[in-house]
């Protein structure tokens, strides 16, 4: 019984590993707090630039 159990568990572990490789997690990777702050600053700057450009475009049209 012991030998059979060891063999069965060995193959179960192998199957579990291959199954895990096939079904990758869709969870996004970890982003550190500092990196999130940098990204937030960049997006804020882009938003400001686009609002300035749209304001200038509207002023030129009028």
PDB file of N, CA and C in Angstrom:
ATOM      1  N   UNK A   1       0.825  -1.196   0.000  1.00  0.00           N
ATOM      2  CA  UNK A   1       0.000   0.000   0.000  1.00  0.00           C
ATOM      3  C   UNK A   1       0.868   1.258   0.000  1.00  0.00           C
ATOM      4  N   UNK A   2       1.898   1.246   0.799  1.00  0.00           N
ATOM      5  CA  UNK A   2       2.768   2.411   0.888  1.00  0.00           C
ATOM      6  C   UNK A   2       3.443   2.713  -0.446  1.00  0.00           C
ATOM      7  N   UNK A   3       3.948   1.705  -1.097  1.00  0.00           N
ATOM      8  CA  UNK A   3       4.638   1.891  -2.369  1.00  0.00           C
ATOM      9  C   UNK A   3       3.662   2.423  -3.409  1.00  0.00           C
ATOM     10  N   UNK A   4       2.477   1.838  -3.445  1.00  0.00           N
ATOM     11  CA  UNK A   4       1.462   2.267  -4.411  1.00  0.00           C
ATOM     12  C   UNK A   4       1.081   3.729  -4.160  1.00  0.00           C
ATOM     13  N   UNK A   5       0.921   4.091  -2.905  1.00  0.00           N
ATOM     14  CA  UNK A   5       0.551   5.466  -2.562  1.00  0.00           C
ATOM     15  C   UNK A   5       1.629   6.449  -3.016  1.00  0.00           C
ATOM     16  N   UNK A   6       2.872   6.102  -2.814  1.00  0.00           N
ATOM     17  CA  UNK A   6       3.971   6.972  -3.228  1.00  0.00           C
ATOM     18  C   UNK A   6       3.965   7.173  -4.738  1.00  0.00           C
ATOM     19  N   UNK A   7       3.735   6.105  -5.467  1.00  0.00           N
ATOM     20  CA  UNK A   7       3.720   6.200  -6.927  1.00  0.00           C
ATOM     21  C   UNK A   7       2.549   7.061  -7.389  1.00  0.00           C
ATOM     22  N   UNK A   8       1.386   6.829  -6.798  1.00  0.00           N
ATOM     23  CA  UNK A   8       0.196   7.589  -7.178  1.00  0.00           C
ATOM     24  C   UNK A   8       0.382   9.067  -6.872  1.00  0.00           C
ATOM     25  N   UNK A   9       0.882   9.396  -5.687  1.00  0.00           N
ATOM     26  CA  UNK A   9       1.077  10.805  -5.339  1.00  0.00           C
ATOM     27  C   UNK A   9       2.115  11.461  -6.236  1.00  0.00           C
ATOM     28  N   UNK A  10       3.119  10.704  -6.631  1.00  0.00           N
ATOM     29  CA  UNK A  10       4.137  11.239  -7.538  1.00  0.00           C
ATOM     30  C   UNK A  10       3.498  11.668  -8.848  1.00  0.00           C
ATOM     31  N   UNK A  11       2.655  10.808  -9.410  1.00  0.00           N
ATOM     32  CA  UNK A  11       2.006  11.142 -10.674  1.00  0.00           C
ATOM     33  C   UNK A  11       0.967  12.244 -10.499  1.00  0.00           C
ATOM     34  N   UNK A  12       0.316  12.286  -9.356  1.00  0.00           N
ATOM     35  CA  UNK A  12      -0.649  13.359  -9.108  1.00  0.00           C
ATOM     36  C   UNK A  12       0.048  14.712  -9.059  1.00  0.00           C
ATOM     37  N   UNK A  13       1.212  14.764  -8.417  1.00  0.00           N
ATOM     38  CA  UNK A  13       1.981  16.008  -8.360  1.00  0.00           C
ATOM     39  C   UNK A  13       2.409  16.445  -9.755  1.00  0.00           C
ATOM     40  N   UNK A  14       2.826  15.467 -10.552  1.00  0.00           N
ATOM     41  CA  UNK A  14       3.255  15.780 -11.913  1.00  0.00           C
ATOM     42  C   UNK A  14       2.095  16.340 -12.728  1.00  0.00           C
ATOM     43  N   UNK A  15       0.928  15.707 -12.606  1.00  0.00           N
ATOM     44  CA  UNK A  15      -0.260  16.186 -13.317  1.00  0.00           C
ATOM     45  C   UNK A  15      -0.654  17.585 -12.850  1.00  0.00           C
ATOM     46  N   UNK A  16      -0.551  17.811 -11.560  1.00  0.00           N
ATOM     47  CA  UNK A  16      -0.905  19.110 -11.013  1.00  0.00           C
ATOM     48  C   UNK A  16       0.019  20.205 -11.562  1.00  0.00           C
ATOM     49  N   UNK A  17       1.320  19.914 -11.651  1.00  0.00           N
ATOM     50  CA  UNK A  17       2.280  20.893 -12.188  1.00  0.00           C
ATOM     51  C   UNK A  17       2.004  21.202 -13.651  1.00  0.00           C
ATOM     52  N   UNK A  18       1.748  20.163 -14.451  1.00  0.00           N
ATOM     53  CA  UNK A  18       1.484  20.409 -15.875  1.00  0.00           C
ATOM     54  C   UNK A  18       0.185  21.172 -16.053  1.00  0.00           C
ATOM     55  N   UNK A  19      -0.802  20.886 -15.236  1.00  0.00           N
ATOM     56  CA  UNK A  19      -2.078  21.599 -15.319  1.00  0.00           C
ATOM     57  C   UNK A  19      -1.890  23.063 -14.937  1.00  0.00           C
ATOM     58  N   UNK A  20      -1.064  23.317 -13.950  1.00  0.00           N
ATOM     59  CA  UNK A  20      -0.802  24.694 -13.523  1.00  0.00           C
ATOM     60  C   UNK A  20      -0.097  25.475 -14.627  1.00  0.00           C
ATOM     61  N   UNK A  21       0.776  24.829 -15.370  1.00  0.00           N
ATOM     62  CA  UNK A  21       1.477  25.504 -16.462  1.00  0.00           C
ATOM     63  C   UNK A  21       0.525  25.822 -17.604  1.00  0.00           C
ATOM     64  N   UNK A  22      -0.463  24.980 -17.814  1.00  0.00           N
ATOM     65  CA  UNK A  22      -1.414  25.212 -18.902  1.00  0.00           C
ATOM     66  C   UNK A  22      -2.353  26.375 -18.600  1.00  0.00           C
ATOM     67  N   UNK A  23      -2.739  26.508 -17.352  1.00  0.00           N
ATOM     68  CA  UNK A  23      -3.713  27.527 -16.962  1.00  0.00           C
ATOM     69  C   UNK A  23      -3.022  28.613 -16.150  1.00  0.00           C
ATOM     70  N   UNK A  24      -2.419  29.545 -16.843  1.00  0.00           N
ATOM     71  CA  UNK A  24      -1.728  30.645 -16.182  1.00  0.00           C
ATOM     72  C   UNK A  24      -2.750  31.566 -15.528  1.00  0.00           C
ATOM     73  N   UNK A  25      -2.324  32.211 -14.485  1.00  0.00           N
ATOM     74  CA  UNK A  25      -3.180  33.135 -13.763  1.00  0.00           C
ATOM     75  C   UNK A  25      -3.358  34.416 -14.581  1.00  0.00           C
ATOM     76  N   UNK A  26      -4.556  34.937 -14.578  1.00  0.00           N
ATOM     77  CA  UNK A  26      -4.839  36.185 -15.283  1.00  0.00           C
ATOM     78  C   UNK A  26      -4.667  37.388 -14.359  1.00  0.00           C
ATOM     79  N   UNK A  27      -4.233  37.104 -13.150  1.00  0.00           N
ATOM     80  CA  UNK A  27      -4.002  38.146 -12.165  1.00  0.00           C
ATOM     81  C   UNK A  27      -2.797  38.987 -12.571  1.00  0.00           C
ATOM     82  N   UNK A  28      -2.913  40.301 -12.553  1.00  0.00           N
ATOM     83  CA  UNK A  28      -1.760  41.136 -12.925  1.00  0.00           C
ATOM     84  C   UNK A  28      -0.646  41.033 -11.899  1.00  0.00           C
ATOM     85  N   UNK A  29       0.555  41.275 -12.357  1.00  0.00           N
ATOM     86  CA  UNK A  29       1.711  41.201 -11.473  1.00  0.00           C
ATOM     87  C   UNK A  29       1.718  42.312 -10.441  1.00  0.00           C
ATOM     88  N   UNK A  30       2.499  42.152  -9.404  1.00  0.00           N
ATOM     89  CA  UNK A  30       2.577  43.137  -8.328  1.00  0.00           C
ATOM     90  C   UNK A  30       3.282  44.395  -8.804  1.00  0.00           C
ATOM     91  N   UNK A  31       2.718  45.542  -8.449  1.00  0.00           N
ATOM     92  CA  UNK A  31       3.326  46.825  -8.765  1.00  0.00           C
ATOM     93  C   UNK A  31       3.567  47.530  -7.442  1.00  0.00           C
ATOM     94  N   UNK A  32       4.802  47.916  -7.212  1.00  0.00           N
ATOM     95  CA  UNK A  32       5.144  48.536  -5.931  1.00  0.00           C
ATOM     96  C   UNK A  32       4.483  49.903  -5.786  1.00  0.00           C
ATOM     97  N   UNK A  33       4.442  50.364  -4.557  1.00  0.00           N
ATOM     98  CA  UNK A  33       3.799  51.638  -4.255  1.00  0.00           C
ATOM     99  C   UNK A  33       4.501  52.786  -4.987  1.00  0.00           C
ATOM    100  N   UNK A  34       5.826  52.768  -5.017  1.00  0.00           N
ATOM    101  CA  UNK A  34       6.582  53.827  -5.691  1.00  0.00           C
ATOM    102  C   UNK A  34       6.286  53.820  -7.188  1.00  0.00           C
ATOM    103  N   UNK A  35       6.198  52.630  -7.759  1.00  0.00           N
ATOM    104  CA  UNK A  35       5.913  52.527  -9.192  1.00  0.00           C
ATOM    105  C   UNK A  35       4.502  53.036  -9.495  1.00  0.00           C
ATOM    106  N   UNK A  36       3.551  52.733  -8.612  1.00  0.00           N
ATOM    107  CA  UNK A  36       2.186  53.231  -8.808  1.00  0.00           C
ATOM    108  C   UNK A  36       2.145  54.751  -8.760  1.00  0.00           C
ATOM    109  N   UNK A  37       2.922  55.350  -7.859  1.00  0.00           N
ATOM    110  CA  UNK A  37       2.970  56.813  -7.773  1.00  0.00           C
ATOM    111  C   UNK A  37       3.546  57.410  -9.047  1.00  0.00           C
ATOM    112  N   UNK A  38       4.603  56.779  -9.582  1.00  0.00           N
ATOM    113  CA  UNK A  38       5.195  57.264 -10.829  1.00  0.00           C
ATOM    114  C   UNK A  38       4.178  57.202 -11.970  1.00  0.00           C
ATOM    115  N   UNK A  39       3.476  56.094 -12.063  1.00  0.00           N
ATOM    116  CA  UNK A  39       2.480  55.936 -13.124  1.00  0.00           C
ATOM    117  C   UNK A  39       1.357  56.955 -12.973  1.00  0.00           C
ATOM    118  N   UNK A  40       0.965  57.212 -11.734  1.00  0.00           N
ATOM    119  CA  UNK A  40      -0.092  58.185 -11.494  1.00  0.00           C
ATOM    120  C   UNK A  40       0.344  59.589 -11.919  1.00  0.00           C
ATOM    121  N   UNK A  41       1.604  59.940 -11.625  1.00  0.00           N
ATOM    122  CA  UNK A  41       2.123  61.243 -12.033  1.00  0.00           C
ATOM    123  C   UNK A  41       2.137  61.364 -13.561  1.00  0.00           C
ATOM    124  N   UNK A  42       2.573  60.297 -14.227  1.00  0.00           N
ATOM    125  CA  UNK A  42       2.615  60.320 -15.687  1.00  0.00           C
ATOM    126  C   UNK A  42       1.222  60.483 -16.281  1.00  0.00           C
ATOM    127  N   UNK A  43       0.258  59.781 -15.740  1.00  0.00           N
ATOM    128  CA  UNK A  43      -1.108  59.900 -16.277  1.00  0.00           C
ATOM    129  C   UNK A  43      -1.672  61.283 -15.998  1.00  0.00           C
ATOM    130  N   UNK A  44      -1.358  61.851 -14.821  1.00  0.00           N
ATOM    131  CA  UNK A  44      -1.815  63.205 -14.517  1.00  0.00           C
ATOM    132  C   UNK A  44      -1.226  64.208 -15.502  1.00  0.00           C
ATOM    133  N   UNK A  45       0.058  64.058 -15.814  1.00  0.00           N
ATOM    134  CA  UNK A  45       0.704  64.959 -16.764  1.00  0.00           C
ATOM    135  C   UNK A  45       0.084  64.831 -18.149  1.00  0.00           C
ATOM    136  N   UNK A  46      -0.207  63.607 -18.560  1.00  0.00           N
ATOM    137  CA  UNK A  46      -0.817  63.402 -19.872  1.00  0.00           C
ATOM    138  C   UNK A  46      -2.200  64.019 -19.931  1.00  0.00           C
ATOM    139  N   UNK A  47      -2.958  63.891 -18.853  1.00  0.00           N
ATOM    140  CA  UNK A  47      -4.304  64.470 -18.810  1.00  0.00           C
ATOM    141  C   UNK A  47      -4.213  65.982 -18.906  1.00  0.00           C
ATOM    142  N   UNK A  48      -3.264  66.565 -18.196  1.00  0.00           N
ATOM    143  CA  UNK A  48      -3.095  68.016 -18.245  1.00  0.00           C
ATOM    144  C   UNK A  48      -2.718  68.473 -19.651  1.00  0.00           C
ATOM    145  N   UNK A  49      -1.828  67.729 -20.300  1.00  0.00           N
ATOM    146  CA  UNK A  49      -1.409  68.095 -21.649  1.00  0.00           C
ATOM    147  C   UNK A  49      -2.574  68.001 -22.625  1.00  0.00           C
ATOM    148  N   UNK A  50      -3.363  66.964 -22.525  1.00  0.00           N
ATOM    149  CA  UNK A  50      -4.487  66.814 -23.450  1.00  0.00           C
ATOM    150  C   UNK A  50      -5.535  67.879 -23.207  1.00  0.00           C
ATOM    151  N   UNK A  51      -5.774  68.257 -21.951  1.00  0.00           N
ATOM    152  CA  UNK A  51      -6.749  69.313 -21.685  1.00  0.00           C
ATOM    153  C   UNK A  51      -6.241  70.645 -22.215  1.00  0.00           C
ATOM    154  N   UNK A  52      -4.939  70.892 -22.093  1.00  0.00           N
ATOM    155  CA  UNK A  52      -4.372  72.131 -22.631  1.00  0.00           C
ATOM    156  C   UNK A  52      -4.483  72.156 -24.150  1.00  0.00           C
ATOM    157  N   UNK A  53      -4.209  71.034 -24.789  1.00  0.00           N
ATOM    158  CA  UNK A  53      -4.279  70.974 -26.244  1.00  0.00           C
ATOM    159  C   UNK A  53      -5.715  71.162 -26.729  1.00  0.00           C
ATOM    160  N   UNK A  54      -6.666  70.556 -26.048  1.00  0.00           N
ATOM    161  CA  UNK A  54      -8.064  70.726 -26.472  1.00  0.00           C
ATOM    162  C   UNK A  54      -8.513  72.160 -26.247  1.00  0.00           C
ATOM    163  N   UNK A  55      -8.056  72.780 -25.161  1.00  0.00           N
ATOM    164  CA  UNK A  55      -8.423  74.172 -24.895  1.00  0.00           C
ATOM    165  C   UNK A  55      -7.835  75.086 -25.983  1.00  0.00           C
ATOM    166  N   UNK A  56      -6.589  74.818 -26.379  1.00  0.00           N
ATOM    167  CA  UNK A  56      -5.972  75.637 -27.430  1.00  0.00           C
ATOM    168  C   UNK A  56      -6.689  75.427 -28.753  1.00  0.00           C
ATOM    169  N   UNK A  57      -7.072  74.203 -29.043  1.00  0.00           N
ATOM    170  CA  UNK A  57      -7.759  73.910 -30.293  1.00  0.00           C
ATOM    171  C   UNK A  57      -9.114  74.608 -30.329  1.00  0.00           C
ATOM    172  N   UNK A  58      -9.804  74.608 -29.220  1.00  0.00           N
ATOM    173  CA  UNK A  58     -11.103  75.286 -29.164  1.00  0.00           C
ATOM    174  C   UNK A  58     -10.931  76.786 -29.319  1.00  0.00           C
ATOM    175  N   UNK A  59      -9.881  77.335 -28.721  1.00  0.00           N
ATOM    176  CA  UNK A  59      -9.626  78.785 -28.813  1.00  0.00           C
ATOM    177  C   UNK A  59      -9.293  79.160 -30.259  1.00  0.00           C
ATOM    178  N   UNK A  60      -8.568  78.315 -30.979  1.00  0.00           N
ATOM    179  CA  UNK A  60      -8.216  78.594 -32.372  1.00  0.00           C
ATOM    180  C   UNK A  60      -9.462  78.534 -33.258  1.00  0.00           C
ATOM    181  N   UNK A  61     -10.376  77.649 -32.946  1.00  0.00           N
ATOM    182  CA  UNK A  61     -11.579  77.510 -33.772  1.00  0.00           C
ATOM    183  C   UNK A  61     -12.497  78.720 -33.604  1.00  0.00           C
ATOM    184  N   UNK A  62     -12.469  79.316 -32.470  1.00  0.00           N
ATOM    185  CA  UNK A  62     -13.356  80.466 -32.219  1.00  0.00           C
ATOM    186  C   UNK A  62     -12.699  81.703 -32.667  1.00  0.00           C
TER     187      UNK A  62
END
